[in-house]
Amino acid sequence: MRVAIIEDDPGTRRFMEETVANLGFEMRSAGDGIAGLDLIRDWEPHVVFLDIQLPRLDGLDVLAAIRDEGMETIVIINTAFGTEEHAIRALRLRANDYLRKPVRHSDLIPMLRKFEQIVAAREQPSALPDFVRERRCRVVMESHLDQVARVADYLANEAEMGHNRPLTLGVTLGLVELLNNAVEHGNLGIGGEEKAIAMATSPGAYRELVETRLSDPEFAARQVVVELLSTRDRAEWVISDQGRGFDWRAVMDDLDTPDPLALHGRGLFLATCYFDEVEFLGAGNVVRVRKSKSPV
């Protein structure tokens, strides 16, 4: 996986460079927006970590150029305290995720691993043939997080979003967030604070937490079911887990707070950026999302 780091702070850039290189990924970096955009155009990285406040060319302008030129790059916004409003604007402009400063291993490494799986799983999307009016698909997934990226990629491609690679990528990333939530918080019953504590301790602590839940037959038997309906103009996914549900109304209301980036409901916030509609049903263990196939 090719990873580009566009960051003007030398300490942050060096820390991220070392982390990415130590994980075995290809890495290049730049310290300003113009050099960064040139790097992205020439090298075509799979993933870009992009600071918002850059000299010579603002990060939002770099993001706009990436999207206007139809590049398939996954863009993660680096946001510092006081730049949350710009980061939210970037997400609305089709940035794919965000990373808060100061950057920590406990945030950066899991994010890189997540996108590594997505990059490896992606395939060439296609469009529904003229004679197909709709397509339906039902997927049953075990509660294993290592399956999430492959299942999300499959469901995005089965939806046949057309030859719009950025649109298909956004759907894949949104499904990854929702499927992770269905497995972690739904089927395995891992709360947001519980996960945050484990992640802050070490990546190993979080893996142990997941393995402990899966060793319990009650949790291990639970599944995630996804129903896909794809028509010529839109796609719809209904994702159901077998957990107890949650107070989804309160979480969705919290997305309107001044700083939704600080929420434990990170995946739900990102899903609202990737999909046109996000609707919870019942106790919250069923979510329906829709995406138009119209060109971006």
C-alpha atoms as a PDB file:
ATOM      1  CA  MET A   1       0.000   0.000   0.000  1.00  0.00           C
ATOM      2  CA  ARG A   2       1.327   3.441  -0.989  1.00  0.00           C
ATOM      3  CA  VAL A   3       0.878   6.069   1.731  1.00  0.00           C
ATOM      4  CA  ALA A   4       1.480   9.813   1.281  1.00  0.00           C
ATOM      5  CA  ILE A   5       1.853  12.175   4.255  1.00  0.00           C
ATOM      6  CA  ILE A   6       1.175  15.866   3.560  1.00  0.00           C
ATOM      7  CA  GLU A   7       2.016  17.625   6.830  1.00  0.00           C
ATOM      8  CA  ASP A   8       3.911  20.843   7.533  1.00  0.00           C
ATOM      9  CA  ASP A   9       4.732  20.151  11.191  1.00  0.00           C
ATOM     10  CA  PRO A  10       8.163  18.414  11.142  1.00  0.00           C
ATOM     11  CA  GLY A  11       7.644  16.466  14.367  1.00  0.00           C
ATOM     12  CA  THR A  12       4.234  15.101  13.370  1.00  0.00           C
ATOM     13  CA  ARG A  13       5.440  14.315   9.854  1.00  0.00           C
ATOM     14  CA  ARG A  14       8.515  12.461  11.105  1.00  0.00           C
ATOM     15  CA  PHE A  15       6.453  10.435  13.610  1.00  0.00           C
ATOM     16  CA  MET A  16       3.984   9.411  10.900  1.00  0.00           C
ATOM     17  CA  GLU A  17       6.750   8.625   8.406  1.00  0.00           C
ATOM     18  CA  GLU A  18       8.464   6.288  10.867  1.00  0.00           C
ATOM     19  CA  THR A  19       5.211   4.565  11.818  1.00  0.00           C
ATOM     20  CA  VAL A  20       4.171   3.966   8.212  1.00  0.00           C
ATOM     21  CA  ALA A  21       7.638   2.764   7.198  1.00  0.00           C
ATOM     22  CA  ASN A  22       7.889   0.420  10.198  1.00  0.00           C
ATOM     23  CA  LEU A  23       4.642  -1.255   9.129  1.00  0.00           C
ATOM     24  CA  GLY A  24       6.210  -2.057   5.757  1.00  0.00           C
ATOM     25  CA  PHE A  25       4.187   0.281   3.547  1.00  0.00           C
ATOM     26  CA  GLU A  26       5.624   2.425   0.770  1.00  0.00           C
ATOM     27  CA  MET A  27       5.785   6.015   1.990  1.00  0.00           C
ATOM     28  CA  ARG A  28       6.450   9.500   0.618  1.00  0.00           C
ATOM     29  CA  SER A  29       5.815  12.880   2.221  1.00  0.00           C
ATOM     30  CA  ALA A  30       5.619  16.595   1.552  1.00  0.00           C
ATOM     31  CA  GLY A  31       5.585  19.685   3.760  1.00  0.00           C
ATOM     32  CA  ASP A  32       3.257  22.000   1.834  1.00  0.00           C
ATOM     33  CA  GLY A  33       0.116  21.834  -0.276  1.00  0.00           C
ATOM     34  CA  ILE A  34       1.616  22.404  -3.734  1.00  0.00           C
ATOM     35  CA  ALA A  35       4.368  19.823  -3.249  1.00  0.00           C
ATOM     36  CA  GLY A  36       1.781  17.476  -1.765  1.00  0.00           C
ATOM     37  CA  LEU A  37      -0.608  17.773  -4.697  1.00  0.00           C
ATOM     38  CA  ASP A  38       2.250  17.207  -7.146  1.00  0.00           C
ATOM     39  CA  LEU A  39       3.250  14.115  -5.164  1.00  0.00           C
ATOM     40  CA  ILE A  40      -0.297  12.755  -5.254  1.00  0.00           C
ATOM     41  CA  ARG A  41      -0.657  13.345  -8.991  1.00  0.00           C
ATOM     42  CA  ASP A  42       2.705  11.770  -9.857  1.00  0.00           C
ATOM     43  CA  TRP A  43       2.736   8.834  -7.423  1.00  0.00           C
ATOM     44  CA  GLU A  44      -1.002   7.999  -7.154  1.00  0.00           C
ATOM     45  CA  PRO A  45      -0.933   6.812  -3.521  1.00  0.00           C
ATOM     46  CA  HIS A  46      -3.676   4.567  -2.161  1.00  0.00           C
ATOM     47  CA  VAL A  47      -3.921   6.608   1.063  1.00  0.00           C
ATOM     48  CA  VAL A  48      -3.177  10.262   1.803  1.00  0.00           C
ATOM     49  CA  PHE A  49      -2.884  11.817   5.269  1.00  0.00           C
ATOM     50  CA  LEU A  50      -3.634  15.479   4.614  1.00  0.00           C
ATOM     51  CA  ASP A  51      -3.200  18.355   7.065  1.00  0.00           C
ATOM     52  CA  ILE A  52      -5.764  21.140   6.735  1.00  0.00           C
ATOM     53  CA  GLN A  53      -3.581  24.144   7.433  1.00  0.00           C
ATOM     54  CA  LEU A  54      -0.721  23.930   4.923  1.00  0.00           C
ATOM     55  CA  PRO A  55       1.559  26.607   3.467  1.00  0.00           C
ATOM     56  CA  ARG A  56       1.348  27.553  -0.231  1.00  0.00           C
ATOM     57  CA  LEU A  57      -1.915  25.616  -0.804  1.00  0.00           C
ATOM     58  CA  ASP A  58      -4.588  24.915   1.822  1.00  0.00           C
ATOM     59  CA  GLY A  59      -5.464  21.301   2.586  1.00  0.00           C
ATOM     60  CA  LEU A  60      -9.095  21.836   1.591  1.00  0.00           C
ATOM     61  CA  ASP A  61      -7.920  23.070  -1.814  1.00  0.00           C
ATOM     62  CA  VAL A  62      -5.740  19.981  -2.175  1.00  0.00           C
ATOM     63  CA  LEU A  63      -8.750  17.809  -1.310  1.00  0.00           C
ATOM     64  CA  ALA A  64     -10.921  19.658  -3.825  1.00  0.00           C
ATOM     65  CA  ALA A  65      -8.325  19.086  -6.561  1.00  0.00           C
ATOM     66  CA  ILE A  66      -8.127  15.369  -5.717  1.00  0.00           C
ATOM     67  CA  ARG A  67     -11.891  14.969  -6.027  1.00  0.00           C
ATOM     68  CA  ASP A  68     -12.299  17.265  -9.045  1.00  0.00           C
ATOM     69  CA  GLU A  69      -9.687  15.250 -10.934  1.00  0.00           C
ATOM     70  CA  GLY A  70     -11.410  11.960 -10.093  1.00  0.00           C
ATOM     71  CA  MET A  71      -8.502  10.411  -8.199  1.00  0.00           C
ATOM     72  CA  GLU A  72      -9.339   7.221  -6.305  1.00  0.00           C
ATOM     73  CA  THR A  73      -7.183   8.114  -3.318  1.00  0.00           C
ATOM     74  CA  ILE A  74      -8.401   7.538   0.233  1.00  0.00           C
ATOM     75  CA  VAL A  75      -7.981  10.875   2.051  1.00  0.00           C
ATOM     76  CA  ILE A  76      -7.638  11.157   5.840  1.00  0.00           C
ATOM     77  CA  ILE A  77      -7.744  14.667   7.255  1.00  0.00           C
ATOM     78  CA  ASN A  78      -5.288  15.519  10.056  1.00  0.00           C
ATOM     79  CA  THR A  79      -7.118  17.867  12.408  1.00  0.00           C
ATOM     80  CA  ALA A  80      -5.771  19.792  15.400  1.00  0.00           C
ATOM     81  CA  PHE A  81      -7.676  21.442  18.233  1.00  0.00           C
ATOM     82  CA  GLY A  82      -9.470  24.468  16.845  1.00  0.00           C
ATOM     83  CA  THR A  83      -9.749  23.142  13.281  1.00  0.00           C
ATOM     84  CA  GLU A  84     -12.727  20.817  13.854  1.00  0.00           C
ATOM     85  CA  GLU A  85     -15.043  22.974  11.756  1.00  0.00           C
ATOM     86  CA  HIS A  86     -12.670  22.713   8.793  1.00  0.00           C
ATOM     87  CA  ALA A  87     -12.367  18.950   9.288  1.00  0.00           C
ATOM     88  CA  ILE A  88     -16.145  18.529   9.235  1.00  0.00           C
ATOM     89  CA  ARG A  89     -16.279  20.607   6.053  1.00  0.00           C
ATOM     90  CA  ALA A  90     -13.590  18.354   4.565  1.00  0.00           C
ATOM     91  CA  LEU A  91     -15.656  15.257   5.368  1.00  0.00           C
ATOM     92  CA  ARG A  92     -18.628  16.816   3.638  1.00  0.00           C
ATOM     93  CA  LEU A  93     -16.320  17.427   0.656  1.00  0.00           C
ATOM     94  CA  ARG A  94     -15.673  13.653   0.536  1.00  0.00           C
ATOM     95  CA  ALA A  95     -12.642  13.216   2.716  1.00  0.00           C
ATOM     96  CA  ASN A  96     -12.814   9.610   3.910  1.00  0.00           C
ATOM     97  CA  ASP A  97     -11.760   9.797   7.552  1.00  0.00           C
ATOM     98  CA  TYR A  98     -10.025  12.000  10.106  1.00  0.00           C
ATOM     99  CA  LEU A  99      -7.077  11.695  12.483  1.00  0.00           C
ATOM    100  CA  ARG A 100      -6.842  13.974  15.498  1.00  0.00           C
ATOM    101  CA  LYS A 101      -3.606  15.544  16.688  1.00  0.00           C
ATOM    102  CA  PRO A 102      -1.470  14.825  18.543  1.00  0.00           C
ATOM    103  CA  VAL A 103      -1.189  11.670  16.432  1.00  0.00           C
ATOM    104  CA  ARG A 104      -0.802   8.482  18.483  1.00  0.00           C
ATOM    105  CA  HIS A 105       0.155   4.936  17.551  1.00  0.00           C
ATOM    106  CA  SER A 106      -3.138   3.715  19.043  1.00  0.00           C
ATOM    107  CA  ASP A 107      -5.054   5.739  16.427  1.00  0.00           C
ATOM    108  CA  LEU A 108      -2.714   5.629  13.428  1.00  0.00           C
ATOM    109  CA  ILE A 109      -1.840   1.922  13.315  1.00  0.00           C
ATOM    110  CA  PRO A 110      -5.432   0.552  13.416  1.00  0.00           C
ATOM    111  CA  MET A 111      -6.424   3.071  10.750  1.00  0.00           C
ATOM    112  CA  LEU A 112      -3.598   1.954   8.460  1.00  0.00           C
ATOM    113  CA  ARG A 113      -4.499  -1.704   8.993  1.00  0.00           C
ATOM    114  CA  LYS A 114      -8.151  -0.986   8.194  1.00  0.00           C
ATOM    115  CA  PHE A 115      -7.329   0.754   4.930  1.00  0.00           C
ATOM    116  CA  GLU A 116      -4.771  -1.919   4.043  1.00  0.00           C
ATOM    117  CA  GLN A 117      -7.583  -4.492   3.997  1.00  0.00           C
ATOM    118  CA  ILE A 118      -9.807  -2.217   1.924  1.00  0.00           C
ATOM    119  CA  VAL A 119      -7.102  -1.497  -0.652  1.00  0.00           C
ATOM    120  CA  ALA A 120      -6.353  -5.218  -0.963  1.00  0.00           C
ATOM    121  CA  ALA A 121     -10.018  -6.125  -1.415  1.00  0.00           C
ATOM    122  CA  ARG A 122     -11.030  -3.608  -4.093  1.00  0.00           C
ATOM    123  CA  GLU A 123     -12.077  -4.805  -7.531  1.00  0.00           C
ATOM    124  CA  GLN A 124     -13.195  -3.134 -10.763  1.00  0.00           C
ATOM    125  CA  PRO A 125     -16.801  -1.955 -10.378  1.00  0.00           C
ATOM    126  CA  SER A 126     -19.309  -2.267 -13.214  1.00  0.00           C
ATOM    127  CA  ALA A 127     -22.828  -1.109 -14.044  1.00  0.00           C
ATOM    128  CA  LEU A 128     -26.116  -3.011 -14.171  1.00  0.00           C
ATOM    129  CA  PRO A 129     -26.724  -4.346 -17.697  1.00  0.00           C
ATOM    130  CA  ASP A 130     -29.626  -2.728 -19.546  1.00  0.00           C
ATOM    131  CA  PHE A 131     -31.815  -5.816 -19.152  1.00  0.00           C
ATOM    132  CA  VAL A 132     -31.448  -5.935 -15.332  1.00  0.00           C
ATOM    133  CA  ARG A 133     -34.009  -3.794 -13.489  1.00  0.00           C
ATOM    134  CA  GLU A 134     -32.894  -4.658  -9.966  1.00  0.00           C
ATOM    135  CA  ARG A 135     -30.525  -6.921  -8.082  1.00  0.00           C
ATOM    136  CA  ARG A 136     -31.004  -8.403  -4.612  1.00  0.00           C
ATOM    137  CA  CYS A 137     -28.383 -10.023  -2.424  1.00  0.00           C
ATOM    138  CA  ARG A 138     -28.371 -11.448   1.110  1.00  0.00           C
ATOM    139  CA  VAL A 139     -25.086 -11.894   2.990  1.00  0.00           C
ATOM    140  CA  VAL A 140     -24.695 -13.610   6.361  1.00  0.00           C
ATOM    141  CA  MET A 141     -21.422 -12.775   8.113  1.00  0.00           C
ATOM    142  CA  GLU A 142     -19.890 -14.283  11.237  1.00  0.00           C
ATOM    143  CA  SER A 143     -18.722 -11.905  13.975  1.00  0.00           C
ATOM    144  CA  HIS A 144     -15.118 -11.773  12.794  1.00  0.00           C
ATOM    145  CA  LEU A 145     -13.617  -8.333  12.200  1.00  0.00           C
ATOM    146  CA  ASP A 146     -11.064  -9.655   9.709  1.00  0.00           C
ATOM    147  CA  GLN A 147     -13.961 -10.401   7.317  1.00  0.00           C
ATOM    148  CA  VAL A 148     -15.373  -6.869   7.360  1.00  0.00           C
ATOM    149  CA  ALA A 149     -13.303  -5.296   4.555  1.00  0.00           C
ATOM    150  CA  ARG A 150     -13.921  -8.195   2.139  1.00  0.00           C
ATOM    151  CA  VAL A 151     -17.647  -8.246   2.869  1.00  0.00           C
ATOM    152  CA  ALA A 152     -17.937  -4.460   2.485  1.00  0.00           C
ATOM    153  CA  ASP A 153     -16.059  -4.523  -0.814  1.00  0.00           C
ATOM    154  CA  TYR A 154     -18.249  -7.370  -2.093  1.00  0.00           C
ATOM    155  CA  LEU A 155     -21.464  -5.566  -1.130  1.00  0.00           C
ATOM    156  CA  ALA A 156     -20.313  -2.300  -2.729  1.00  0.00           C
ATOM    157  CA  ASN A 157     -19.436  -4.042  -5.982  1.00  0.00           C
ATOM    158  CA  GLU A 158     -22.620  -6.148  -5.990  1.00  0.00           C
ATOM    159  CA  ALA A 159     -24.548  -2.869  -5.849  1.00  0.00           C
ATOM    160  CA  GLU A 160     -23.066  -2.044  -9.288  1.00  0.00           C
ATOM    161  CA  MET A 161     -22.509   1.667  -8.666  1.00  0.00           C
ATOM    162  CA  GLY A 162     -21.315   2.101 -12.251  1.00  0.00           C
ATOM    163  CA  HIS A 163     -17.836   3.047 -13.402  1.00  0.00           C
ATOM    164  CA  ASN A 164     -17.577   5.678 -10.687  1.00  0.00           C
ATOM    165  CA  ARG A 165     -14.616   4.495  -8.627  1.00  0.00           C
ATOM    166  CA  PRO A 166     -14.757   7.265  -5.980  1.00  0.00           C
ATOM    167  CA  LEU A 167     -18.473   6.567  -5.436  1.00  0.00           C
ATOM    168  CA  THR A 168     -17.864   2.833  -5.015  1.00  0.00           C
ATOM    169  CA  LEU A 169     -14.922   3.514  -2.684  1.00  0.00           C
ATOM    170  CA  GLY A 170     -17.074   5.763  -0.491  1.00  0.00           C
ATOM    171  CA  VAL A 171     -19.747   3.067  -0.244  1.00  0.00           C
ATOM    172  CA  THR A 172     -17.108   0.498   0.705  1.00  0.00           C
ATOM    173  CA  LEU A 173     -15.702   2.724   3.448  1.00  0.00           C
ATOM    174  CA  GLY A 174     -19.164   3.503   4.790  1.00  0.00           C
ATOM    175  CA  LEU A 175     -20.080  -0.187   4.908  1.00  0.00           C
ATOM    176  CA  VAL A 176     -16.826  -0.947   6.720  1.00  0.00           C
ATOM    177  CA  GLU A 177     -17.792   1.504   9.477  1.00  0.00           C
ATOM    178  CA  LEU A 178     -21.314   0.095   9.832  1.00  0.00           C
ATOM    179  CA  LEU A 179     -20.223  -3.548   9.730  1.00  0.00           C
ATOM    180  CA  ASN A 180     -17.522  -2.859  12.330  1.00  0.00           C
ATOM    181  CA  ASN A 181     -20.190  -1.302  14.556  1.00  0.00           C
ATOM    182  CA  ALA A 182     -22.519  -4.262  14.023  1.00  0.00           C
ATOM    183  CA  VAL A 183     -19.805  -6.732  15.049  1.00  0.00           C
ATOM    184  CA  GLU A 184     -18.051  -4.766  17.813  1.00  0.00           C
ATOM    185  CA  HIS A 185     -20.830  -2.864  19.521  1.00  0.00           C
ATOM    186  CA  GLY A 186     -23.734  -5.071  18.437  1.00  0.00           C
ATOM    187  CA  ASN A 187     -22.830  -8.753  18.410  1.00  0.00           C
ATOM    188  CA  LEU A 188     -19.806  -8.591  20.741  1.00  0.00           C
ATOM    189  CA  GLY A 189     -21.305  -5.976  23.061  1.00  0.00           C
ATOM    190  CA  ILE A 190     -18.112  -3.889  23.273  1.00  0.00           C
ATOM    191  CA  GLY A 191     -18.989  -0.374  24.405  1.00  0.00           C
ATOM    192  CA  GLY A 192     -17.330   2.767  23.088  1.00  0.00           C
ATOM    193  CA  GLU A 193     -15.522   3.569  26.338  1.00  0.00           C
ATOM    194  CA  GLU A 194     -14.465  -0.058  26.764  1.00  0.00           C
ATOM    195  CA  LYS A 195     -12.949  -0.065  23.279  1.00  0.00           C
ATOM    196  CA  ALA A 196     -11.240   3.309  23.816  1.00  0.00           C
ATOM    197  CA  ILE A 197      -9.570   2.091  27.012  1.00  0.00           C
ATOM    198  CA  ALA A 198      -8.331  -1.099  25.338  1.00  0.00           C
ATOM    199  CA  MET A 199      -7.028   0.781  22.295  1.00  0.00           C
ATOM    200  CA  ALA A 200      -5.221   3.297  24.487  1.00  0.00           C
ATOM    201  CA  THR A 201      -3.575   0.440  26.391  1.00  0.00           C
ATOM    202  CA  SER A 202      -2.189  -1.354  23.309  1.00  0.00           C
ATOM    203  CA  PRO A 203      -3.382  -2.932  20.029  1.00  0.00           C
ATOM    204  CA  GLY A 204      -2.837  -6.263  21.741  1.00  0.00           C
ATOM    205  CA  ALA A 205      -5.236  -5.359  24.556  1.00  0.00           C
ATOM    206  CA  TYR A 206      -8.017  -4.669  22.078  1.00  0.00           C
ATOM    207  CA  ARG A 207      -7.393  -7.968  20.237  1.00  0.00           C
ATOM    208  CA  GLU A 208      -7.547  -9.786  23.564  1.00  0.00           C
ATOM    209  CA  LEU A 209     -10.872  -8.112  24.341  1.00  0.00           C
ATOM    210  CA  VAL A 210     -12.331  -9.248  21.017  1.00  0.00           C
ATOM    211  CA  GLU A 211     -10.964 -12.789  21.434  1.00  0.00           C
ATOM    212  CA  THR A 212     -12.395 -12.990  24.944  1.00  0.00           C
ATOM    213  CA  ARG A 213     -15.875 -12.143  23.646  1.00  0.00           C
ATOM    214  CA  LEU A 214     -15.558 -14.642  20.804  1.00  0.00           C
ATOM    215  CA  SER A 215     -14.585 -17.374  23.257  1.00  0.00           C
ATOM    216  CA  ASP A 216     -18.039 -17.029  24.819  1.00  0.00           C
ATOM    217  CA  PRO A 217     -20.465 -19.289  22.869  1.00  0.00           C
ATOM    218  CA  GLU A 218     -23.290 -16.759  23.227  1.00  0.00           C
ATOM    219  CA  PHE A 219     -21.319 -14.023  21.475  1.00  0.00           C
ATOM    220  CA  ALA A 220     -19.596 -16.358  19.006  1.00  0.00           C
ATOM    221  CA  ALA A 221     -22.918 -17.636  17.647  1.00  0.00           C
ATOM    222  CA  ARG A 222     -24.162 -14.193  16.655  1.00  0.00           C
ATOM    223  CA  GLN A 223     -24.196 -13.141  13.004  1.00  0.00           C
ATOM    224  CA  VAL A 224     -24.598 -10.003  10.917  1.00  0.00           C
ATOM    225  CA  VAL A 225     -27.113 -10.127   8.059  1.00  0.00           C
ATOM    226  CA  VAL A 226     -27.010  -7.646   5.163  1.00  0.00           C
ATOM    227  CA  GLU A 227     -29.831  -7.302   2.631  1.00  0.00           C
ATOM    228  CA  LEU A 228     -28.893  -5.413  -0.558  1.00  0.00           C
ATOM    229  CA  LEU A 229     -31.328  -3.971  -3.089  1.00  0.00           C
ATOM    230  CA  SER A 230     -29.768  -2.365  -6.167  1.00  0.00           C
ATOM    231  CA  THR A 231     -31.811  -0.636  -8.878  1.00  0.00           C
ATOM    232  CA  ARG A 232     -30.747   1.464 -11.822  1.00  0.00           C
ATOM    233  CA  ASP A 233     -30.791   4.715  -9.848  1.00  0.00           C
ATOM    234  CA  ARG A 234     -29.975   3.805  -6.241  1.00  0.00           C
ATOM    235  CA  ALA A 235     -28.717   1.130  -3.855  1.00  0.00           C
ATOM    236  CA  GLU A 236     -29.947   0.226  -0.374  1.00  0.00           C
ATOM    237  CA  TRP A 237     -28.322  -1.904   2.328  1.00  0.00           C
ATOM    238  CA  VAL A 238     -30.099  -3.110   5.502  1.00  0.00           C
ATOM    239  CA  ILE A 239     -27.615  -4.284   8.139  1.00  0.00           C
ATOM    240  CA  SER A 240     -28.872  -6.289  11.134  1.00  0.00           C
ATOM    241  CA  ASP A 241     -26.908  -7.551  14.122  1.00  0.00           C
ATOM    242  CA  GLN A 242     -28.057  -9.745  17.014  1.00  0.00           C
ATOM    243  CA  GLY A 243     -27.049  -7.427  19.850  1.00  0.00           C
ATOM    244  CA  ARG A 244     -29.296  -5.588  22.279  1.00  0.00           C
ATOM    245  CA  GLY A 245     -29.336  -2.370  20.302  1.00  0.00           C
ATOM    246  CA  PHE A 246     -28.539   1.104  21.675  1.00  0.00           C
ATOM    247  CA  ASP A 247     -30.013   4.556  22.160  1.00  0.00           C
ATOM    248  CA  TRP A 248     -29.532   5.535  18.534  1.00  0.00           C
ATOM    249  CA  ARG A 249     -31.726   8.631  18.814  1.00  0.00           C
ATOM    250  CA  ALA A 250     -29.371  10.180  21.365  1.00  0.00           C
ATOM    251  CA  VAL A 251     -26.312   9.303  19.283  1.00  0.00           C
ATOM    252  CA  MET A 252     -27.807  10.752  16.095  1.00  0.00           C
ATOM    253  CA  ASP A 253     -28.806  13.917  17.988  1.00  0.00           C
ATOM    254  CA  ASP A 254     -25.217  14.230  19.241  1.00  0.00           C
ATOM    255  CA  LEU A 255     -23.989  14.381  15.640  1.00  0.00           C
ATOM    256  CA  ASP A 256     -25.241  17.971  15.596  1.00  0.00           C
ATOM    257  CA  THR A 257     -22.963  18.993  18.479  1.00  0.00           C
ATOM    258  CA  PRO A 258     -20.173  21.539  17.831  1.00  0.00           C
ATOM    259  CA  ASP A 259     -17.508  18.816  17.811  1.00  0.00           C
ATOM    260  CA  PRO A 260     -18.905  15.505  16.478  1.00  0.00           C
ATOM    261  CA  LEU A 261     -15.320  14.366  15.798  1.00  0.00           C
ATOM    262  CA  ALA A 262     -14.928  13.746  19.533  1.00  0.00           C
ATOM    263  CA  LEU A 263     -17.834  11.303  19.694  1.00  0.00           C
ATOM    264  CA  HIS A 264     -17.531   7.598  20.430  1.00  0.00           C
ATOM    265  CA  GLY A 265     -20.045   7.206  17.550  1.00  0.00           C
ATOM    266  CA  ARG A 266     -17.311   7.915  15.008  1.00  0.00           C
ATOM    267  CA  GLY A 267     -18.481   5.226  12.586  1.00  0.00           C
ATOM    268  CA  LEU A 268     -22.034   6.560  12.510  1.00  0.00           C
ATOM    269  CA  PHE A 269     -20.806  10.094  11.881  1.00  0.00           C
ATOM    270  CA  LEU A 270     -18.685   8.891   8.961  1.00  0.00           C
ATOM    271  CA  ALA A 271     -21.643   6.883   7.620  1.00  0.00           C
ATOM    272  CA  THR A 272     -23.721  10.065   7.407  1.00  0.00           C
ATOM    273  CA  CYS A 273     -20.973  11.475   5.168  1.00  0.00           C
ATOM    274  CA  TYR A 274     -20.777   8.435   2.884  1.00  0.00           C
ATOM    275  CA  PHE A 275     -24.509   7.730   2.391  1.00  0.00           C
ATOM    276  CA  ASP A 276     -27.446   9.887   1.328  1.00  0.00           C
ATOM    277  CA  GLU A 277     -29.715   8.430   4.022  1.00  0.00           C
ATOM    278  CA  VAL A 278     -29.020   6.658   7.317  1.00  0.00           C
ATOM    279  CA  GLU A 279     -32.049   5.276   9.167  1.00  0.00           C
ATOM    280  CA  PHE A 280     -32.130   3.145  12.327  1.00  0.00           C
ATOM    281  CA  LEU A 281     -34.984   0.718  12.956  1.00  0.00           C
ATOM    282  CA  GLY A 282     -36.325  -0.867  16.131  1.00  0.00           C
ATOM    283  CA  ALA A 283     -33.885  -0.975  19.040  1.00  0.00           C
ATOM    284  CA  GLY A 284     -31.005   0.232  16.872  1.00  0.00           C
ATOM    285  CA  ASN A 285     -29.577  -3.123  15.827  1.00  0.00           C
ATOM    286  CA  VAL A 286     -30.942  -2.640  12.313  1.00  0.00           C
ATOM    287  CA  VAL A 287     -29.731   0.215  10.101  1.00  0.00           C
ATOM    288  CA  ARG A 288     -30.839   1.050   6.554  1.00  0.00           C
ATOM    289  CA  VAL A 289     -28.595   3.172   4.317  1.00  0.00           C
ATOM    290  CA  ARG A 290     -29.168   4.402   0.780  1.00  0.00           C
ATOM    291  CA  LYS A 291     -26.948   5.846  -1.943  1.00  0.00           C
ATOM    292  CA  SER A 292     -27.909   7.417  -5.256  1.00  0.00           C
ATOM    293  CA  LYS A 293     -26.050   6.224  -8.358  1.00  0.00           C
ATOM    294  CA  SER A 294     -26.102   9.680  -9.901  1.00  0.00           C
ATOM    295  CA  PRO A 295     -22.636  10.972 -10.896  1.00  0.00           C
ATOM    296  CA  VAL A 296     -20.811  12.850  -8.134  1.00  0.00           C
END
